[in-house]
Protein backbone atom coordinates (compact mmCIF):
# COMPACT_ATOMS: atom_id res chain seq x y z
CA MET A 1 -4.90 -1.83 -0.75
CA THR A 2 -7.50 -3.30 -3.05
CA ALA A 3 -10.59 -5.43 -2.60
CA GLY A 4 -11.59 -8.56 -4.45
CA PRO A 5 -12.88 -12.11 -4.22
CA ALA A 6 -11.21 -14.40 -1.74
CA PRO A 7 -9.24 -17.47 -2.80
CA ALA A 8 -11.02 -20.80 -2.90
CA ARG A 9 -10.54 -22.95 0.16
CA GLY A 10 -7.65 -25.37 -0.16
CA SER A 11 -5.64 -23.03 -2.39
CA ALA A 12 -4.41 -20.63 0.28
CA GLY A 13 -1.68 -20.37 2.89
CA ARG A 14 -2.12 -19.50 6.55
CA LEU A 15 -0.65 -16.60 8.54
CA ARG A 16 -0.62 -16.22 12.32
CA VAL A 17 -0.48 -12.82 14.03
CA THR A 18 2.54 -12.48 16.33
CA SER A 19 2.24 -8.79 17.30
CA VAL A 20 0.07 -5.71 16.78
CA GLU A 21 1.57 -2.22 16.91
CA PRO A 22 -0.12 1.15 16.27
CA LEU A 23 2.11 3.23 13.98
CA THR A 24 -0.12 6.32 13.91
CA PRO A 25 -3.69 7.01 15.07
CA ALA A 26 -5.00 5.60 11.77
CA MET A 27 -2.43 2.96 10.80
CA LEU A 28 -1.76 -0.36 12.47
CA ARG A 29 1.15 -2.75 11.90
CA LEU A 30 0.36 -6.45 12.00
CA THR A 31 3.41 -8.70 12.23
CA VAL A 32 2.48 -12.16 11.05
CA GLU A 33 4.24 -15.50 10.81
CA VAL A 34 3.93 -17.72 7.76
CA GLU A 35 2.44 -20.87 9.23
CA GLN A 36 1.61 -22.46 5.87
CA PRO A 37 3.15 -20.90 2.72
CA HIS A 38 1.36 -20.38 -0.58
CA LEU A 39 3.95 -18.88 -2.96
CA PRO A 40 7.60 -18.07 -2.20
CA LEU A 41 8.78 -14.57 -1.35
CA ASP A 42 10.96 -12.84 -3.95
CA PRO A 43 13.67 -10.99 -2.00
CA SER A 44 14.59 -9.01 -5.12
CA CYS A 45 11.16 -7.34 -5.39
CA PRO A 46 10.46 -4.55 -2.87
CA ASN A 47 6.74 -4.34 -3.71
CA GLN A 48 4.90 -7.61 -3.14
CA VAL A 49 1.27 -8.14 -2.17
CA LEU A 50 -0.82 -10.69 -0.31
CA ARG A 51 -4.56 -11.26 -0.60
CA LEU A 52 -5.84 -11.72 2.94
CA SER A 53 -9.00 -13.31 4.35
CA PRO A 54 -9.60 -13.20 8.12
CA VAL A 55 -10.32 -16.47 9.88
CA GLY A 56 -12.98 -16.02 12.55
CA ALA A 57 -16.62 -16.18 13.50
CA GLU A 58 -17.81 -13.29 11.32
CA ALA A 59 -15.88 -14.45 8.23
CA ASP A 60 -16.96 -18.07 8.77
CA ALA A 61 -20.61 -16.97 9.10
CA GLY A 62 -20.40 -15.35 5.66
CA ALA A 63 -18.92 -18.50 4.17
CA LEU A 64 -21.64 -20.68 5.72
CA SER A 65 -24.30 -18.40 4.24
CA GLY A 66 -22.92 -19.12 0.76
CA ALA A 67 -20.98 -15.85 0.38
CA ARG A 68 -17.28 -15.93 -0.34
CA PRO A 69 -15.23 -14.63 2.62
CA ALA A 70 -14.24 -10.98 2.36
CA SER A 71 -10.66 -10.35 1.33
CA ARG A 72 -8.28 -7.44 0.83
CA THR A 73 -4.93 -7.11 -0.90
CA TYR A 74 -2.14 -5.57 1.16
CA THR A 75 1.46 -4.68 0.47
CA ILE A 76 4.17 -6.47 2.39
CA ARG A 77 5.85 -3.59 4.20
CA ARG A 78 8.79 -5.71 5.26
CA ALA A 79 9.59 -9.43 5.15
CA ASP A 80 12.26 -11.57 6.78
CA PRO A 81 12.58 -14.84 4.83
CA ALA A 82 14.82 -16.32 7.52
CA SER A 83 12.28 -15.97 10.33
CA GLY A 84 9.17 -16.12 8.18
CA LEU A 85 7.89 -12.88 9.72
CA ILE A 86 6.04 -10.29 7.62
CA ASP A 87 4.95 -6.75 8.50
CA LEU A 88 1.62 -5.56 7.09
CA ASP A 89 0.56 -1.93 7.61
CA VAL A 90 -3.22 -1.51 7.67
CA VAL A 91 -5.06 1.81 7.26
CA LEU A 92 -7.92 1.88 9.76
CA HIS A 93 -10.70 3.46 7.73
CA GLY A 94 -14.31 2.58 7.14
CA ASP A 95 -16.25 -0.22 8.80
CA GLY A 96 -15.63 -3.18 6.53
CA LEU A 97 -15.11 -6.68 7.84
CA PHE A 98 -11.34 -6.58 7.41
CA VAL A 99 -10.97 -3.25 9.23
CA ARG A 100 -13.15 -4.50 12.09
CA TRP A 101 -11.01 -7.62 12.24
CA ALA A 102 -7.75 -5.63 12.23
CA ARG A 103 -8.92 -3.28 15.00
CA SER A 104 -9.43 -6.23 17.33
CA ALA A 105 -6.59 -8.44 16.06
CA ALA A 106 -4.37 -10.07 18.68
CA PRO A 107 -1.41 -12.45 18.70
CA GLY A 108 -2.57 -15.92 17.75
CA ASP A 109 -5.28 -14.76 15.33
CA ALA A 110 -5.17 -16.34 11.87
CA LEU A 111 -5.45 -15.15 8.27
CA ASP A 112 -5.80 -17.16 5.11
CA PHE A 113 -3.82 -15.70 2.22
CA THR A 114 -2.64 -16.13 -1.32
CA GLY A 115 0.63 -14.81 -2.68
CA PRO A 116 2.94 -13.11 -2.39
CA ARG A 117 2.80 -11.70 -5.91
CA PRO A 118 5.00 -8.93 -7.30
CA HIS A 119 3.48 -5.51 -7.88
CA ALA A 120 4.84 -2.67 -10.00
CA VAL A 121 8.13 -1.07 -8.99
CA PRO A 122 9.61 2.03 -10.62
CA SER A 123 12.93 1.46 -12.32
CA LEU A 124 15.64 1.97 -9.73
CA ALA A 125 18.03 2.49 -12.65
CA ALA A 126 16.15 5.64 -13.75
CA ASP A 127 17.79 9.06 -13.53
CA ALA A 128 15.12 10.08 -10.99
CA VAL A 129 11.89 8.76 -9.47
CA ILE A 130 8.79 10.71 -8.48
CA MET A 131 6.33 8.97 -6.17
CA ALA A 132 2.91 10.18 -5.00
CA ALA A 133 0.46 8.47 -2.67
CA ASP A 134 -2.16 8.88 -0.01
CA GLU A 135 -2.07 6.75 3.14
CA THR A 136 -3.32 3.66 1.29
CA GLY A 137 -0.23 3.71 -0.92
CA LEU A 138 2.18 4.70 1.84
CA PRO A 139 3.29 1.15 2.82
CA ALA A 140 4.25 0.35 -0.80
CA LEU A 141 5.93 3.73 -1.26
CA ALA A 142 7.92 3.22 1.94
CA ALA A 143 9.00 -0.28 0.91
CA VAL A 144 10.19 0.92 -2.50
CA ALA A 145 12.00 3.93 -1.01
CA GLU A 146 13.75 1.63 1.45
CA ALA A 147 15.03 -0.50 -1.44
CA ALA A 148 16.17 2.42 -3.62
CA PRO A 149 19.95 2.60 -4.14
CA ALA A 150 22.20 5.25 -2.67
CA GLY A 151 22.28 8.46 -4.65
CA LEU A 152 19.09 7.90 -6.67
CA PRO A 153 17.04 11.12 -6.60
CA VAL A 154 13.58 10.25 -5.26
CA HIS A 155 10.90 12.83 -4.48
CA ALA A 156 7.91 11.45 -2.58
CA VAL A 157 4.68 13.43 -2.18
CA ILE A 158 2.36 11.92 0.44
CA GLU A 159 -1.12 13.06 1.50
CA VAL A 160 -2.38 12.05 4.95
CA ALA A 161 -5.10 13.23 7.31
CA ASP A 162 -2.87 15.43 9.47
CA ALA A 163 0.62 15.73 10.96
CA ALA A 164 -0.01 12.84 13.37
CA GLU A 165 -0.12 10.47 10.37
CA GLU A 166 3.40 11.27 9.16
CA GLN A 167 5.93 8.44 9.44
CA PRO A 168 9.73 8.35 9.19
CA LEU A 169 10.91 6.91 5.87
CA ALA A 170 14.28 5.20 5.74
CA SER A 171 16.21 5.20 2.47
CA SER A 172 19.76 5.21 1.13
CA ALA A 173 18.49 7.18 -1.85
CA ASP A 174 18.58 10.96 -2.13
CA LEU A 175 15.04 11.04 -0.74
CA ARG A 176 13.02 14.21 -0.38
CA VAL A 177 9.55 13.94 1.14
CA THR A 178 6.69 16.43 0.89
CA TRP A 179 3.88 15.75 3.38
CA LEU A 180 0.41 17.11 2.62
CA HIS A 181 -2.27 17.35 5.33
CA ARG A 182 -6.01 17.27 4.64
CA ASP A 183 -6.76 18.80 8.07
CA GLY A 184 -10.40 17.72 8.10
CA ALA A 185 -11.11 17.52 4.37
CA PRO A 186 -12.31 14.09 3.16
CA ALA A 187 -9.70 11.91 1.48
CA GLY A 188 -9.78 12.01 -2.30
CA THR A 189 -11.33 15.49 -2.51
CA THR A 190 -8.47 17.97 -2.13
CA GLY A 191 -6.57 17.67 -5.43
CA ALA A 192 -3.48 18.43 -3.35
CA LEU A 193 -1.45 15.50 -4.64
CA GLU A 194 -1.78 16.60 -8.26
CA ARG A 195 -1.01 20.24 -7.42
CA ALA A 196 2.07 19.21 -5.45
CA VAL A 197 3.37 16.96 -8.25
CA ARG A 198 2.78 19.76 -10.78
CA SER A 199 4.79 22.17 -8.64
CA LEU A 200 7.85 19.92 -8.38
CA PRO A 201 11.00 21.01 -10.20
CA TRP A 202 10.98 18.29 -12.86
CA PRO A 203 14.20 16.25 -13.05
CA GLY A 204 16.10 15.82 -16.28
CA GLY A 205 16.79 12.51 -17.98
CA ALA A 206 14.72 9.34 -17.67
CA VAL A 207 12.11 9.85 -14.94
CA ASP A 208 9.91 7.07 -13.54
CA VAL A 209 6.61 8.11 -11.95
CA TRP A 210 4.81 5.88 -9.42
CA VAL A 211 1.38 6.86 -8.06
CA ALA A 212 -1.09 5.08 -5.75
CA GLY A 213 -4.25 6.26 -4.04
CA GLU A 214 -7.77 7.40 -4.95
CA ALA A 215 -8.55 6.43 -8.55
CA GLY A 216 -9.54 9.89 -9.78
CA GLU A 217 -6.50 11.60 -8.30
CA VAL A 218 -4.23 8.88 -9.67
CA ARG A 219 -5.67 9.41 -13.17
CA ALA A 220 -5.08 13.17 -12.95
CA ILE A 221 -1.41 12.71 -12.05
CA ARG A 222 -0.94 10.06 -14.73
CA ARG A 223 -2.40 12.41 -17.39
CA PHE A 224 -0.17 15.26 -16.24
CA ALA A 225 2.97 13.11 -16.30
CA SER A 226 2.16 11.66 -19.70
CA ASN A 227 0.68 14.66 -21.53
CA GLU A 228 2.58 17.57 -20.00
CA ARG A 229 5.87 16.03 -18.89
CA GLY A 230 6.25 13.45 -21.66
CA VAL A 231 6.83 10.50 -19.35
CA GLU A 232 6.85 7.33 -21.42
CA ARG A 233 4.18 4.74 -20.81
CA ASP A 234 6.59 2.10 -19.53
CA ARG A 235 7.87 4.60 -16.97
CA LEU A 236 4.37 5.36 -15.60
CA HIS A 237 3.13 3.16 -12.75
CA ALA A 238 -0.32 4.34 -11.61
CA PHE A 239 -2.71 2.42 -9.35
CA GLY A 240 -6.16 3.39 -8.09
CA TYR A 241 -6.31 1.60 -4.75
CA TRP A 242 -9.78 2.92 -3.94
CA ARG A 243 -12.57 5.06 -5.40
CA LEU A 244 -14.23 8.06 -3.78
CA GLY A 245 -17.76 7.30 -2.59
CA ARG A 246 -17.41 3.54 -2.43
CA ALA A 247 -17.83 1.64 0.82
CA GLY A 248 -14.60 1.30 2.77
CA SER A 249 -13.05 4.46 1.33
CA PRO A 250 -10.83 6.49 3.68
CA GLY A 251 -12.61 9.22 5.61
């Protein structure tokens, strides 16, 4: 998930919430229907993102005051082009406008959006894939793992608040998952993701590394993979979804 300016009016599509389902105590699944499309879905890309702007009294008040409506970029967890339904998994952290909106979202609520646009995917033709993420990167990690082919060795390291935040991950790949629990420590402060990636038995051959989460922790894993494991630049996919200390960061 990333923040940024909202699209200009008239250049966006419209989504309508059809159902709201809590996945864990801190993650909510919004299923939305594409009421007015913006760009077409690419069924061949397992990691696509939408930039979302809530439609409602609080968002409209900001627009009337001259401010651009708040927006956030979210990964499409799952999409069904035939029905036009899309699943979006939202981490409920902080007290930003979008999180407040998501907490109270109900069927019939609307979102303006732009996209979908493709985001980076590790090569599924690699000899092995290593993925690391906190809860903000979990929806993208899960979508990529679900698309990975049978037999591909994939090791996913995922840091979440505690055991209640673990989720089942479906994959035809040879998927191994290591869950890390903060157990009360603030997100982005433990260094556990980097330590866990360092401790992995490193696969042979061409290895793709995909990392998403707090910017500082992502940089540390990227440096390790590049400098100590010799992973080539085009096989490194590293994304700082949020920065420790900034408003809206996970708690």
